[in-house]
Amino acid sequence: MSHLVSANMQQHGYRIIPANPFVDEVLDERSFKSFLDIPVETQRAIDIVDIFRKAEDTPPIVDQAHPAKCRCWQPFCGLDAVVQC
């Protein structure tokens, strides 16, 4: 699911910045080990954070990404709502 959604967003002009500790690259983009490993200047440009994890794994990711002041959180897999920052 995450690959399909990310590929679709990329095809519609969004830049994908993956954060996945298990891969080095996703959709021809460098993958960071966690959100905290993404350079601060890149974090500031993030508009949407899509989270493809179990619901119980989501809060720590939101805590990591919150200082980036994204405009939208979109959790998948167990959470239904899009959370506006």
PDB file of N, CA and C in Angstrom:
ATOM      1  N   MET A   1       0.823  -1.192   0.000  1.00  0.00           N
ATOM      2  CA  MET A   1       0.000   0.000   0.000  1.00  0.00           C
ATOM      3  C   MET A   1       0.864   1.251   0.000  1.00  0.00           C
ATOM      4  N   SER A   2       1.897   1.300   0.843  1.00  0.00           N
ATOM      5  CA  SER A   2       2.712   2.510   0.943  1.00  0.00           C
ATOM      6  C   SER A   2       3.399   2.825  -0.383  1.00  0.00           C
ATOM      7  N   HIS A   3       3.885   1.805  -1.048  1.00  0.00           N
ATOM      8  CA  HIS A   3       4.571   2.022  -2.327  1.00  0.00           C
ATOM      9  C   HIS A   3       3.596   2.568  -3.374  1.00  0.00           C
ATOM     10  N   LEU A   4       2.399   2.010  -3.416  1.00  0.00           N
ATOM     11  CA  LEU A   4       1.387   2.440  -4.390  1.00  0.00           C
ATOM     12  C   LEU A   4       0.988   3.899  -4.152  1.00  0.00           C
ATOM     13  N   VAL A   5       0.712   4.253  -2.914  1.00  0.00           N
ATOM     14  CA  VAL A   5       0.315   5.630  -2.589  1.00  0.00           C
ATOM     15  C   VAL A   5       1.459   6.593  -2.889  1.00  0.00           C
ATOM     16  N   SER A   6       2.664   6.238  -2.488  1.00  0.00           N
ATOM     17  CA  SER A   6       3.820   7.104  -2.722  1.00  0.00           C
ATOM     18  C   SER A   6       4.089   7.278  -4.218  1.00  0.00           C
ATOM     19  N   ALA A   7       3.998   6.203  -4.978  1.00  0.00           N
ATOM     20  CA  ALA A   7       4.206   6.289  -6.426  1.00  0.00           C
ATOM     21  C   ALA A   7       3.150   7.182  -7.070  1.00  0.00           C
ATOM     22  N   ASN A   8       1.917   7.058  -6.633  1.00  0.00           N
ATOM     23  CA  ASN A   8       0.837   7.884  -7.169  1.00  0.00           C
ATOM     24  C   ASN A   8       1.084   9.362  -6.854  1.00  0.00           C
ATOM     25  N   MET A   9       1.481   9.651  -5.628  1.00  0.00           N
ATOM     26  CA  MET A   9       1.764  11.037  -5.259  1.00  0.00           C
ATOM     27  C   MET A   9       2.934  11.580  -6.083  1.00  0.00           C
ATOM     28  N   GLN A  10       3.961  10.761  -6.264  1.00  0.00           N
ATOM     29  CA  GLN A  10       5.120  11.169  -7.044  1.00  0.00           C
ATOM     30  C   GLN A  10       4.718  11.461  -8.493  1.00  0.00           C
ATOM     31  N   GLN A  11       3.856  10.640  -9.054  1.00  0.00           N
ATOM     32  CA  GLN A  11       3.388  10.840 -10.427  1.00  0.00           C
ATOM     33  C   GLN A  11       2.579  12.128 -10.572  1.00  0.00           C
ATOM     34  N   HIS A  12       2.037  12.610  -9.459  1.00  0.00           N
ATOM     35  CA  HIS A  12       1.256  13.852  -9.483  1.00  0.00           C
ATOM     36  C   HIS A  12       2.074  15.060  -9.022  1.00  0.00           C
ATOM     37  N   GLY A  13       3.404  14.915  -9.037  1.00  0.00           N
ATOM     38  CA  GLY A  13       4.272  16.056  -8.802  1.00  0.00           C
ATOM     39  C   GLY A  13       4.809  16.243  -7.399  1.00  0.00           C
ATOM     40  N   TYR A  14       4.437  15.390  -6.455  1.00  0.00           N
ATOM     41  CA  TYR A  14       4.977  15.498  -5.105  1.00  0.00           C
ATOM     42  C   TYR A  14       6.374  14.886  -5.054  1.00  0.00           C
ATOM     43  N   ARG A  15       7.247  15.483  -4.284  1.00  0.00           N
ATOM     44  CA  ARG A  15       8.554  14.876  -4.032  1.00  0.00           C
ATOM     45  C   ARG A  15       8.397  13.962  -2.820  1.00  0.00           C
ATOM     46  N   ILE A  16       8.860  12.752  -2.952  1.00  0.00           N
ATOM     47  CA  ILE A  16       8.786  11.760  -1.885  1.00  0.00           C
ATOM     48  C   ILE A  16      10.114  11.775  -1.121  1.00  0.00           C
ATOM     49  N   ILE A  17      10.038  11.862   0.211  1.00  0.00           N
ATOM     50  CA  ILE A  17      11.222  11.786   1.071  1.00  0.00           C
ATOM     51  C   ILE A  17      10.993  10.615   2.025  1.00  0.00           C
ATOM     52  N   PRO A  18      11.429   9.431   1.642  1.00  0.00           N
ATOM     53  CA  PRO A  18      11.177   8.250   2.463  1.00  0.00           C
ATOM     54  C   PRO A  18      11.992   8.241   3.756  1.00  0.00           C
ATOM     55  N   ALA A  19      11.388   7.712   4.789  1.00  0.00           N
ATOM     56  CA  ALA A  19      12.081   7.436   6.055  1.00  0.00           C
ATOM     57  C   ALA A  19      11.733   5.996   6.422  1.00  0.00           C
ATOM     58  N   ASN A  20      12.669   5.111   6.168  1.00  0.00           N
ATOM     59  CA  ASN A  20      12.457   3.688   6.397  1.00  0.00           C
ATOM     60  C   ASN A  20      13.809   3.076   6.764  1.00  0.00           C
ATOM     61  N   PRO A  21      13.938   2.531   7.967  1.00  0.00           N
ATOM     62  CA  PRO A  21      15.242   2.007   8.397  1.00  0.00           C
ATOM     63  C   PRO A  21      15.689   0.747   7.668  1.00  0.00           C
ATOM     64  N   PHE A  22      14.829   0.172   6.848  1.00  0.00           N
ATOM     65  CA  PHE A  22      15.141  -1.115   6.232  1.00  0.00           C
ATOM     66  C   PHE A  22      15.552  -1.033   4.762  1.00  0.00           C
ATOM     67  N   VAL A  23      15.467   0.157   4.154  1.00  0.00           N
ATOM     68  CA  VAL A  23      15.829   0.287   2.740  1.00  0.00           C
ATOM     69  C   VAL A  23      16.701   1.529   2.537  1.00  0.00           C
ATOM     70  N   ASP A  24      17.469   1.526   1.470  1.00  0.00           N
ATOM     71  CA  ASP A  24      18.327   2.664   1.154  1.00  0.00           C
ATOM     72  C   ASP A  24      17.684   3.624   0.164  1.00  0.00           C
ATOM     73  N   GLU A  25      16.709   3.125  -0.608  1.00  0.00           N
ATOM     74  CA  GLU A  25      16.098   3.935  -1.649  1.00  0.00           C
ATOM     75  C   GLU A  25      14.662   3.491  -1.894  1.00  0.00           C
ATOM     76  N   VAL A  26      13.802   4.466  -2.162  1.00  0.00           N
ATOM     77  CA  VAL A  26      12.404   4.190  -2.508  1.00  0.00           C
ATOM     78  C   VAL A  26      12.037   5.098  -3.671  1.00  0.00           C
ATOM     79  N   LEU A  27      11.546   4.512  -4.751  1.00  0.00           N
ATOM     80  CA  LEU A  27      11.109   5.281  -5.916  1.00  0.00           C
ATOM     81  C   LEU A  27      12.188   6.264  -6.381  1.00  0.00           C
ATOM     82  N   ASP A  28      13.417   5.779  -6.430  1.00  0.00           N
ATOM     83  CA  ASP A  28      14.576   6.566  -6.864  1.00  0.00           C
ATOM     84  C   ASP A  28      14.910   7.736  -5.944  1.00  0.00           C
ATOM     85  N   GLU A  29      14.420   7.717  -4.723  1.00  0.00           N
ATOM     86  CA  GLU A  29      14.743   8.740  -3.719  1.00  0.00           C
ATOM     87  C   GLU A  29      15.504   8.077  -2.570  1.00  0.00           C
ATOM     88  N   ARG A  30      16.514   8.764  -2.061  1.00  0.00           N
ATOM     89  CA  ARG A  30      17.254   8.257  -0.898  1.00  0.00           C
ATOM     90  C   ARG A  30      16.303   8.099   0.278  1.00  0.00           C
ATOM     91  N   SER A  31      16.420   6.985   0.978  1.00  0.00           N
ATOM     92  CA  SER A  31      15.604   6.746   2.162  1.00  0.00           C
ATOM     93  C   SER A  31      16.429   7.017   3.415  1.00  0.00           C
ATOM     94  N   PHE A  32      15.862   7.781   4.328  1.00  0.00           N
ATOM     95  CA  PHE A  32      16.515   8.075   5.602  1.00  0.00           C
ATOM     96  C   PHE A  32      16.088   7.033   6.625  1.00  0.00           C
ATOM     97  N   LYS A  33      16.918   6.794   7.617  1.00  0.00           N
ATOM     98  CA  LYS A  33      16.624   5.765   8.621  1.00  0.00           C
ATOM     99  C   LYS A  33      15.452   6.157   9.519  1.00  0.00           C
ATOM    100  N   SER A  34      15.270   7.456   9.767  1.00  0.00           N
ATOM    101  CA  SER A  34      14.122   7.943  10.538  1.00  0.00           C
ATOM    102  C   SER A  34      13.857   9.385  10.113  1.00  0.00           C
ATOM    103  N   PHE A  35      12.757   9.927  10.556  1.00  0.00           N
ATOM    104  CA  PHE A  35      12.433  11.313  10.239  1.00  0.00           C
ATOM    105  C   PHE A  35      13.521  12.242  10.767  1.00  0.00           C
ATOM    106  N   LEU A  36      14.080  11.902  11.915  1.00  0.00           N
ATOM    107  CA  LEU A  36      15.117  12.738  12.519  1.00  0.00           C
ATOM    108  C   LEU A  36      16.401  12.805  11.694  1.00  0.00           C
ATOM    109  N   ASP A  37      16.603  11.853  10.797  1.00  0.00           N
ATOM    110  CA  ASP A  37      17.790  11.839   9.943  1.00  0.00           C
ATOM    111  C   ASP A  37      17.634  12.706   8.693  1.00  0.00           C
ATOM    112  N   ILE A  38      16.425  13.171   8.429  1.00  0.00           N
ATOM    113  CA  ILE A  38      16.194  14.053   7.279  1.00  0.00           C
ATOM    114  C   ILE A  38      16.765  15.425   7.632  1.00  0.00           C
ATOM    115  N   PRO A  39      17.580  16.022   6.755  1.00  0.00           N
ATOM    116  CA  PRO A  39      18.147  17.339   7.066  1.00  0.00           C
ATOM    117  C   PRO A  39      17.061  18.369   7.412  1.00  0.00           C
ATOM    118  N   VAL A  40      17.361  19.231   8.367  1.00  0.00           N
ATOM    119  CA  VAL A  40      16.388  20.200   8.868  1.00  0.00           C
ATOM    120  C   VAL A  40      15.833  21.062   7.740  1.00  0.00           C
ATOM    121  N   GLU A  41      16.685  21.514   6.834  1.00  0.00           N
ATOM    122  CA  GLU A  41      16.194  22.360   5.744  1.00  0.00           C
ATOM    123  C   GLU A  41      15.213  21.606   4.845  1.00  0.00           C
ATOM    124  N   THR A  42      15.405  20.304   4.706  1.00  0.00           N
ATOM    125  CA  THR A  42      14.463  19.480   3.938  1.00  0.00           C
ATOM    126  C   THR A  42      13.184  19.273   4.731  1.00  0.00           C
ATOM    127  N   GLN A  43      13.300  19.048   6.044  1.00  0.00           N
ATOM    128  CA  GLN A  43      12.113  18.880   6.893  1.00  0.00           C
ATOM    129  C   GLN A  43      11.197  20.090   6.793  1.00  0.00           C
ATOM    130  N   ARG A  44      11.763  21.275   6.746  1.00  0.00           N
ATOM    131  CA  ARG A  44      10.961  22.505   6.702  1.00  0.00           C
ATOM    132  C   ARG A  44      10.114  22.613   5.439  1.00  0.00           C
ATOM    133  N   ALA A  45      10.504  21.906   4.386  1.00  0.00           N
ATOM    134  CA  ALA A  45       9.775  21.957   3.122  1.00  0.00           C
ATOM    135  C   ALA A  45       8.689  20.882   3.012  1.00  0.00           C
ATOM    136  N   ILE A  46       8.557  20.038   4.027  1.00  0.00           N
ATOM    137  CA  ILE A  46       7.592  18.938   3.970  1.00  0.00           C
ATOM    138  C   ILE A  46       6.180  19.454   4.226  1.00  0.00           C
ATOM    139  N   ASP A  47       5.283  19.123   3.306  1.00  0.00           N
ATOM    140  CA  ASP A  47       3.880  19.520   3.429  1.00  0.00           C
ATOM    141  C   ASP A  47       3.017  18.423   4.033  1.00  0.00           C
ATOM    142  N   ILE A  48       3.278  17.181   3.660  1.00  0.00           N
ATOM    143  CA  ILE A  48       2.437  16.051   4.067  1.00  0.00           C
ATOM    144  C   ILE A  48       3.326  14.948   4.624  1.00  0.00           C
ATOM    145  N   VAL A  49       2.942  14.393   5.768  1.00  0.00           N
ATOM    146  CA  VAL A  49       3.621  13.222   6.309  1.00  0.00           C
ATOM    147  C   VAL A  49       2.638  12.060   6.238  1.00  0.00           C
ATOM    148  N   ASP A  50       2.947  11.090   5.369  1.00  0.00           N
ATOM    149  CA  ASP A  50       2.148   9.867   5.280  1.00  0.00           C
ATOM    150  C   ASP A  50       2.817   8.823   6.153  1.00  0.00           C
ATOM    151  N   ILE A  51       2.052   8.217   7.043  1.00  0.00           N
ATOM    152  CA  ILE A  51       2.603   7.222   7.963  1.00  0.00           C
ATOM    153  C   ILE A  51       1.962   5.870   7.657  1.00  0.00           C
ATOM    154  N   PHE A  52       2.762   4.934   7.222  1.00  0.00           N
ATOM    155  CA  PHE A  52       2.292   3.600   6.888  1.00  0.00           C
ATOM    156  C   PHE A  52       2.796   2.620   7.945  1.00  0.00           C
ATOM    157  N   ARG A  53       2.218   2.713   9.112  1.00  0.00           N
ATOM    158  CA  ARG A  53       2.611   1.866  10.237  1.00  0.00           C
ATOM    159  C   ARG A  53       1.360   1.480  11.019  1.00  0.00           C
ATOM    160  N   LYS A  54       1.511   0.514  11.919  1.00  0.00           N
ATOM    161  CA  LYS A  54       0.412   0.162  12.812  1.00  0.00           C
ATOM    162  C   LYS A  54       0.083   1.377  13.670  1.00  0.00           C
ATOM    163  N   ALA A  55      -1.173   1.496  14.066  1.00  0.00           N
ATOM    164  CA  ALA A  55      -1.636   2.658  14.831  1.00  0.00           C
ATOM    165  C   ALA A  55      -0.791   2.887  16.083  1.00  0.00           C
ATOM    166  N   GLU A  56      -0.409   1.824  16.770  1.00  0.00           N
ATOM    167  CA  GLU A  56       0.356   1.990  18.011  1.00  0.00           C
ATOM    168  C   GLU A  56       1.787   2.486  17.752  1.00  0.00           C
ATOM    169  N   ASP A  57       2.261   2.373  16.498  1.00  0.00           N
ATOM    170  CA  ASP A  57       3.595   2.866  16.155  1.00  0.00           C
ATOM    171  C   ASP A  57       3.587   4.325  15.696  1.00  0.00           C
ATOM    172  N   THR A  58       2.416   4.890  15.521  1.00  0.00           N
ATOM    173  CA  THR A  58       2.287   6.233  14.953  1.00  0.00           C
ATOM    174  C   THR A  58       2.716   7.365  15.895  1.00  0.00           C
ATOM    175  N   PRO A  59       2.336   7.380  17.189  1.00  0.00           N
ATOM    176  CA  PRO A  59       2.684   8.529  18.042  1.00  0.00           C
ATOM    177  C   PRO A  59       4.165   8.904  18.074  1.00  0.00           C
ATOM    178  N   PRO A  60       5.102   7.945  18.174  1.00  0.00           N
ATOM    179  CA  PRO A  60       6.509   8.363  18.177  1.00  0.00           C
ATOM    180  C   PRO A  60       6.937   9.028  16.865  1.00  0.00           C
ATOM    181  N   ILE A  61       6.362   8.593  15.766  1.00  0.00           N
ATOM    182  CA  ILE A  61       6.698   9.197  14.471  1.00  0.00           C
ATOM    183  C   ILE A  61       6.171  10.622  14.406  1.00  0.00           C
ATOM    184  N   VAL A  62       4.962  10.825  14.887  1.00  0.00           N
ATOM    185  CA  VAL A  62       4.394  12.171  14.932  1.00  0.00           C
ATOM    186  C   VAL A  62       5.244  13.061  15.828  1.00  0.00           C
ATOM    187  N   ASP A  63       5.689  12.532  16.963  1.00  0.00           N
ATOM    188  CA  ASP A  63       6.545  13.310  17.868  1.00  0.00           C
ATOM    189  C   ASP A  63       7.847  13.719  17.188  1.00  0.00           C
ATOM    190  N   GLN A  64       8.432  12.827  16.395  1.00  0.00           N
ATOM    191  CA  GLN A  64       9.669  13.136  15.683  1.00  0.00           C
ATOM    192  C   GLN A  64       9.437  14.214  14.623  1.00  0.00           C
ATOM    193  N   ALA A  65       8.341  14.094  13.917  1.00  0.00           N
ATOM    194  CA  ALA A  65       8.090  14.964  12.765  1.00  0.00           C
ATOM    195  C   ALA A  65       7.420  16.285  13.131  1.00  0.00           C
ATOM    196  N   HIS A  66       6.830  16.382  14.289  1.00  0.00           N
ATOM    197  CA  HIS A  66       6.056  17.572  14.649  1.00  0.00           C
ATOM    198  C   HIS A  66       6.830  18.883  14.536  1.00  0.00           C
ATOM    199  N   PRO A  67       8.086  18.960  14.960  1.00  0.00           N
ATOM    200  CA  PRO A  67       8.802  20.234  14.838  1.00  0.00           C
ATOM    201  C   PRO A  67       8.946  20.732  13.396  1.00  0.00           C
ATOM    202  N   ALA A  68       8.780  19.852  12.425  1.00  0.00           N
ATOM    203  CA  ALA A  68       8.906  20.251  11.021  1.00  0.00           C
ATOM    204  C   ALA A  68       7.747  21.142  10.575  1.00  0.00           C
ATOM    205  N   LYS A  69       6.693  21.210  11.384  1.00  0.00           N
ATOM    206  CA  LYS A  69       5.533  22.050  11.090  1.00  0.00           C
ATOM    207  C   LYS A  69       4.900  21.724   9.734  1.00  0.00           C
ATOM    208  N   CYS A  70       4.721  20.440   9.484  1.00  0.00           N
ATOM    209  CA  CYS A  70       4.058  20.026   8.254  1.00  0.00           C
ATOM    210  C   CYS A  70       2.640  20.573   8.228  1.00  0.00           C
ATOM    211  N   ARG A  71       2.037  20.536   7.074  1.00  0.00           N
ATOM    212  CA  ARG A  71       0.677  21.050   6.937  1.00  0.00           C
ATOM    213  C   ARG A  71      -0.386  19.964   7.106  1.00  0.00           C
ATOM    214  N   CYS A  72       0.025  18.705   6.981  1.00  0.00           N
ATOM    215  CA  CYS A  72      -0.966  17.626   7.031  1.00  0.00           C
ATOM    216  C   CYS A  72      -0.300  16.319   7.444  1.00  0.00           C
ATOM    217  N   TRP A  73      -0.979  15.571   8.310  1.00  0.00           N
ATOM    218  CA  TRP A  73      -0.562  14.217   8.694  1.00  0.00           C
ATOM    219  C   TRP A  73      -1.581  13.272   8.101  1.00  0.00           C
ATOM    220  N   GLN A  74      -1.119  12.212   7.466  1.00  0.00           N
ATOM    221  CA  GLN A  74      -2.036  11.249   6.894  1.00  0.00           C
ATOM    222  C   GLN A  74      -1.641   9.851   7.337  1.00  0.00           C
ATOM    223  N   PRO A  75      -2.171   9.435   8.495  1.00  0.00           N
ATOM    224  CA  PRO A  75      -1.850   8.079   8.957  1.00  0.00           C
ATOM    225  C   PRO A  75      -2.659   7.027   8.210  1.00  0.00           C
ATOM    226  N   PHE A  76      -2.046   5.892   7.933  1.00  0.00           N
ATOM    227  CA  PHE A  76      -2.707   4.766   7.289  1.00  0.00           C
ATOM    228  C   PHE A  76      -2.648   3.570   8.230  1.00  0.00           C
ATOM    229  N   CYS A  77      -3.320   2.524   7.913  1.00  0.00           N
ATOM    230  CA  CYS A  77      -3.268   1.261   8.655  1.00  0.00           C
ATOM    231  C   CYS A  77      -3.770   1.395  10.088  1.00  0.00           C
ATOM    232  N   GLY A  78      -5.044   1.597  10.237  1.00  0.00           N
ATOM    233  CA  GLY A  78      -5.628   1.608  11.560  1.00  0.00           C
ATOM    234  C   GLY A  78      -6.171   2.950  11.994  1.00  0.00           C
ATOM    235  N   LEU A  79      -5.776   4.025  11.335  1.00  0.00           N
ATOM    236  CA  LEU A  79      -6.314   5.339  11.667  1.00  0.00           C
ATOM    237  C   LEU A  79      -7.034   5.876  10.443  1.00  0.00           C
ATOM    238  N   ASP A  80      -8.208   6.457  10.652  1.00  0.00           N
ATOM    239  CA  ASP A  80      -9.032   6.874   9.540  1.00  0.00           C
ATOM    240  C   ASP A  80      -8.860   8.334   9.135  1.00  0.00           C
ATOM    241  N   ALA A  81      -8.487   9.186  10.055  1.00  0.00           N
ATOM    242  CA  ALA A  81      -8.549  10.612   9.807  1.00  0.00           C
ATOM    243  C   ALA A  81      -7.242  11.174   9.270  1.00  0.00           C
ATOM    244  N   VAL A  82      -7.385  12.252   8.547  1.00  0.00           N
ATOM    245  CA  VAL A  82      -6.236  13.070   8.193  1.00  0.00           C
ATOM    246  C   VAL A  82      -6.159  14.139   9.271  1.00  0.00           C
ATOM    247  N   VAL A  83      -5.020  14.283   9.893  1.00  0.00           N
ATOM    248  CA  VAL A  83      -4.860  15.201  10.999  1.00  0.00           C
ATOM    249  C   VAL A  83      -4.176  16.458  10.481  1.00  0.00           C
ATOM    250  N   GLN A  84      -4.801  17.594  10.672  1.00  0.00           N
ATOM    251  CA  GLN A  84      -4.216  18.858  10.233  1.00  0.00           C
ATOM    252  C   GLN A  84      -3.296  19.396  11.317  1.00  0.00           C
ATOM    253  N   CYS A  85      -2.127  19.891  10.948  1.00  0.00           N
ATOM    254  CA  CYS A  85      -1.199  20.503  11.889  1.00  0.00           C
ATOM    255  C   CYS A  85      -1.656  21.923  12.183  1.00  0.00           C
TER     256      CYS A  85
END
